[in-house]
Protein backbone atom coordinates (compact mmCIF):
# COMPACT_ATOMS: atom_id res chain seq x y z
CA MET A 1 20.54 -43.63 -12.17
CA LYS A 2 17.70 -41.44 -13.48
CA GLN A 3 16.01 -41.60 -10.08
CA SER A 4 19.25 -40.50 -8.39
CA ILE A 5 19.57 -37.53 -10.74
CA PHE A 6 15.92 -36.60 -10.15
CA LEU A 7 16.34 -36.76 -6.36
CA THR A 8 19.51 -34.65 -6.52
CA ALA A 9 17.77 -32.01 -8.63
CA LEU A 10 14.78 -32.01 -6.28
CA ILE A 11 17.03 -31.52 -3.23
CA ILE A 12 18.86 -28.65 -4.94
CA LEU A 13 15.55 -27.03 -5.92
CA LEU A 14 14.10 -27.33 -2.42
CA GLY A 15 17.31 -26.12 -0.87
CA THR A 16 17.40 -23.09 -3.13
CA SER A 17 13.76 -22.24 -2.34
CA PHE A 18 14.46 -22.45 1.39
CA LEU A 19 17.54 -20.28 1.07
CA VAL A 20 15.86 -17.57 -1.01
CA GLY A 21 12.68 -17.62 1.04
CA GLN A 22 10.59 -15.72 -1.49
CA THR A 23 6.93 -15.88 -0.51
CA THR A 24 3.81 -14.20 -1.84
CA TYR A 25 1.98 -12.23 0.85
CA GLN A 26 -1.47 -10.64 0.71
CA THR A 27 -3.57 -8.42 2.92
CA LYS A 28 -4.97 -9.84 6.14
CA LYS A 29 -6.22 -6.48 7.42
CA ALA A 30 -5.69 -2.87 6.40
CA ASN A 31 -6.42 0.65 7.52
CA VAL A 32 -6.14 3.66 5.23
CA SER A 33 -6.66 7.30 6.20
CA VAL A 34 -6.76 10.39 4.00
CA LEU A 35 -6.22 13.61 5.96
CA GLY A 36 -6.72 17.13 4.69
CA THR A 37 -7.64 20.69 5.60
CA SER A 38 -10.30 23.22 4.67
CA ASN A 39 -11.07 26.85 5.44
CA LEU A 40 -13.46 25.66 8.20
CA HIS A 41 -11.92 22.53 9.73
CA ASP A 42 -9.53 19.65 9.18
CA TRP A 43 -11.07 16.50 7.74
CA GLU A 44 -10.31 12.79 7.62
CA MET A 45 -11.57 9.85 5.59
CA THR A 46 -10.89 6.23 6.52
CA GLY A 47 -11.26 2.79 4.98
CA THR A 48 -10.37 -0.85 5.60
CA GLN A 49 -10.64 -2.40 2.14
CA ALA A 50 -7.14 -1.81 0.78
CA SER A 51 -5.63 -4.84 -0.96
CA LEU A 52 -1.86 -5.45 -1.16
CA LYS A 53 -0.13 -8.38 -2.79
CA GLY A 54 3.62 -8.84 -3.24
CA THR A 55 6.64 -11.12 -3.04
CA PHE A 56 8.79 -10.73 0.06
CA ASP A 57 12.16 -12.40 0.59
CA ILE A 58 12.50 -13.37 4.27
CA GLU A 59 15.80 -15.01 5.22
CA ASN A 60 16.19 -16.27 8.79
CA GLY A 61 13.52 -13.85 9.98
CA ALA A 62 15.09 -10.86 8.21
CA LEU A 63 13.67 -8.89 5.28
CA ALA A 64 16.06 -9.29 2.34
CA GLY A 65 13.99 -8.18 -0.65
CA ILE A 66 10.62 -7.08 -2.03
CA GLU A 67 9.17 -7.54 -5.52
CA ASN A 68 5.92 -7.36 -7.50
CA VAL A 69 3.96 -5.27 -5.01
CA PHE A 70 0.56 -4.06 -6.19
CA VAL A 71 -1.92 -2.10 -4.06
CA GLU A 72 -5.59 -1.36 -4.77
CA ILE A 73 -7.90 0.89 -2.74
CA PRO A 74 -11.57 1.11 -3.78
CA VAL A 75 -12.36 4.83 -3.76
CA LYS A 76 -15.87 4.40 -2.37
CA SER A 77 -14.61 2.28 0.52
CA ILE A 78 -13.14 5.45 2.04
CA LYS A 79 -15.66 7.28 4.23
CA SER A 80 -15.67 10.64 5.98
CA SER A 81 -16.76 11.33 9.54
CA LYS A 82 -18.44 14.46 8.12
CA GLY A 83 -21.08 12.39 6.34
CA SER A 84 -22.32 11.55 2.86
CA ILE A 85 -22.08 15.09 1.43
CA MET A 86 -18.31 15.17 2.01
CA ASP A 87 -18.06 11.61 0.66
CA GLY A 88 -19.90 12.54 -2.53
CA LYS A 89 -17.76 15.63 -3.13
CA THR A 90 -14.59 13.62 -2.60
CA TYR A 91 -15.73 10.81 -4.92
CA ASP A 92 -16.50 13.41 -7.59
CA ALA A 93 -13.01 14.92 -7.17
CA LEU A 94 -11.49 11.44 -7.45
CA LYS A 95 -13.58 10.77 -10.61
CA SER A 96 -14.68 7.51 -8.99
CA ASP A 97 -17.26 6.64 -11.66
CA LYS A 98 -14.54 6.37 -14.32
CA HIS A 99 -11.66 5.45 -12.01
CA PRO A 100 -13.05 3.45 -9.06
CA LYS A 101 -9.66 2.49 -7.59
CA ILE A 102 -6.49 4.13 -6.34
CA THR A 103 -3.52 1.92 -7.23
CA PHE A 104 0.20 1.67 -6.54
CA ARG A 105 2.61 -0.56 -8.45
CA LEU A 106 6.15 -1.04 -7.14
CA LYS A 107 8.90 -0.31 -9.64
CA ASN A 108 12.09 -0.39 -7.60
CA VAL A 109 13.28 -0.92 -4.02
CA ASN A 110 16.00 1.65 -3.40
CA SER A 111 17.08 0.50 0.07
CA ILE A 112 16.18 -1.76 2.99
CA ASN A 113 17.74 -0.84 6.34
CA PRO A 114 17.16 -2.27 9.84
CA LYS A 115 15.67 0.31 12.19
CA SER A 116 14.14 -0.01 15.68
CA GLY A 117 13.22 -3.68 15.37
CA ALA A 118 11.82 -3.25 11.85
CA TYR A 119 13.05 -2.33 8.35
CA GLU A 120 12.94 1.10 6.76
CA VAL A 121 12.20 0.62 3.08
CA LYS A 122 12.62 3.33 0.47
CA ALA A 123 10.96 2.46 -2.82
CA THR A 124 9.67 4.05 -6.01
CA GLY A 125 6.52 3.14 -7.88
CA ASP A 126 3.59 4.36 -9.93
CA LEU A 127 0.72 5.88 -7.93
CA THR A 128 -2.52 6.28 -9.88
CA ILE A 129 -5.28 8.53 -8.53
CA ALA A 130 -8.33 9.73 -10.51
CA GLY A 131 -6.87 8.07 -13.59
CA TYR A 132 -3.62 10.03 -13.46
CA THR A 133 -0.30 8.27 -12.76
CA LYS A 134 2.83 9.73 -11.20
CA SER A 135 6.09 8.13 -10.10
CA VAL A 136 6.48 8.59 -6.34
CA LEU A 137 9.01 7.82 -3.63
CA LEU A 138 7.62 5.96 -0.61
CA ASN A 139 9.22 5.50 2.80
CA VAL A 140 7.61 2.65 4.73
CA MET A 141 8.39 0.55 7.78
CA VAL A 142 8.15 -3.24 7.45
CA LYS A 143 8.14 -5.41 10.57
CA VAL A 144 8.48 -9.20 10.54
CA LEU A 145 6.14 -10.41 13.27
CA PRO A 146 6.87 -13.51 15.44
CA SER A 147 4.00 -15.26 13.59
CA GLY A 148 5.81 -14.76 10.28
CA GLU A 149 3.26 -12.20 9.15
CA LEU A 150 4.39 -8.75 8.00
CA GLU A 151 3.27 -5.36 9.28
CA ILE A 152 3.68 -2.37 6.95
CA THR A 153 3.09 1.25 7.95
CA GLY A 154 3.76 4.55 6.26
CA SER A 155 2.39 7.80 4.89
CA LYS A 156 2.62 9.94 1.78
CA ASP A 157 2.04 13.68 1.38
CA LEU A 158 0.71 14.84 -1.98
CA LYS A 159 -1.23 17.58 -3.70
CA MET A 160 -4.57 16.88 -5.32
CA THR A 161 -3.75 19.15 -8.26
CA GLU A 162 -0.71 16.98 -9.04
CA TYR A 163 -3.25 14.32 -10.05
CA LYS A 164 -5.42 16.72 -12.08
CA MET A 165 -8.02 16.86 -9.28
CA GLU A 166 -10.02 19.89 -8.22
CA PRO A 167 -10.04 20.21 -4.40
CA PRO A 168 -13.68 19.64 -3.28
CA THR A 169 -15.95 22.48 -2.22
CA ALA A 170 -19.29 22.42 -0.37
CA MET A 171 -22.04 24.72 0.90
CA PHE A 172 -22.07 26.69 -2.36
CA GLY A 173 -18.36 27.38 -2.06
CA ALA A 174 -18.42 28.42 1.60
CA LEU A 175 -16.27 25.39 2.40
CA THR A 176 -13.12 24.90 0.34
CA THR A 177 -10.59 22.16 0.95
CA GLY A 178 -6.84 22.61 0.81
CA ASP A 179 -4.74 21.15 -1.99
CA ASP A 180 -2.44 19.21 0.37
CA VAL A 181 -3.48 15.78 1.66
CA THR A 182 -1.72 12.99 3.54
CA ILE A 183 -2.42 9.31 2.94
CA LYS A 184 -1.60 7.09 5.93
CA PHE A 185 -1.70 3.31 5.85
CA ALA A 186 -1.17 0.33 8.11
CA THR A 187 -1.56 -3.22 6.87
CA THR A 188 -0.86 -6.73 8.09
CA LEU A 189 0.12 -9.30 5.47
CA THR A 190 -0.06 -13.06 5.60
CA SER A 191 0.78 -15.88 3.19
CA ASN A 192 -0.74 -19.20 2.24
CA GLN A 193 2.29 -20.95 3.72
CA LEU A 194 1.55 -19.45 7.15
CA ASN A 195 -2.08 -20.53 6.96
CA LYS A 196 -1.35 -24.20 6.31
């Protein structure tokens, strides 16, 4: 009798897990770009060391929910095509010695809507840059790949001064950067279940 009850409970538990389909995903590969302007030329910094981990609810190949997402980007993993002087100025502006990472923590998923073979997700969370945290709204696209992996792309416009940062300058002030920057990201996520 006890064995029968145990088997019934196990079947219910397994059935519920299959139905809900909640799985923890983490970064397989990532690309991050920070784009800005200056009085001399536009500039761009790129990196590939962003880390994302979160719980995604996939039901019959469809995205049904997202929880517990946390993103970390090591500041000094982002490099400029303009060389080490620009890098150093940017790291100083980001206060990288005291705050070596940019982070984002998901607080709420506002909506998930199918769009062009993917899902448009609107979510709010806490973005921390240079040690200063602000609540932000993010619009991202999430695509469920045939392999079961997830592809996430998006961008966010912000002002450096919103995060108590001084826009970098160089060449004794001859080069001054604009306050507005855009962060673009593209990441592919996988799970331990897919790798078995």
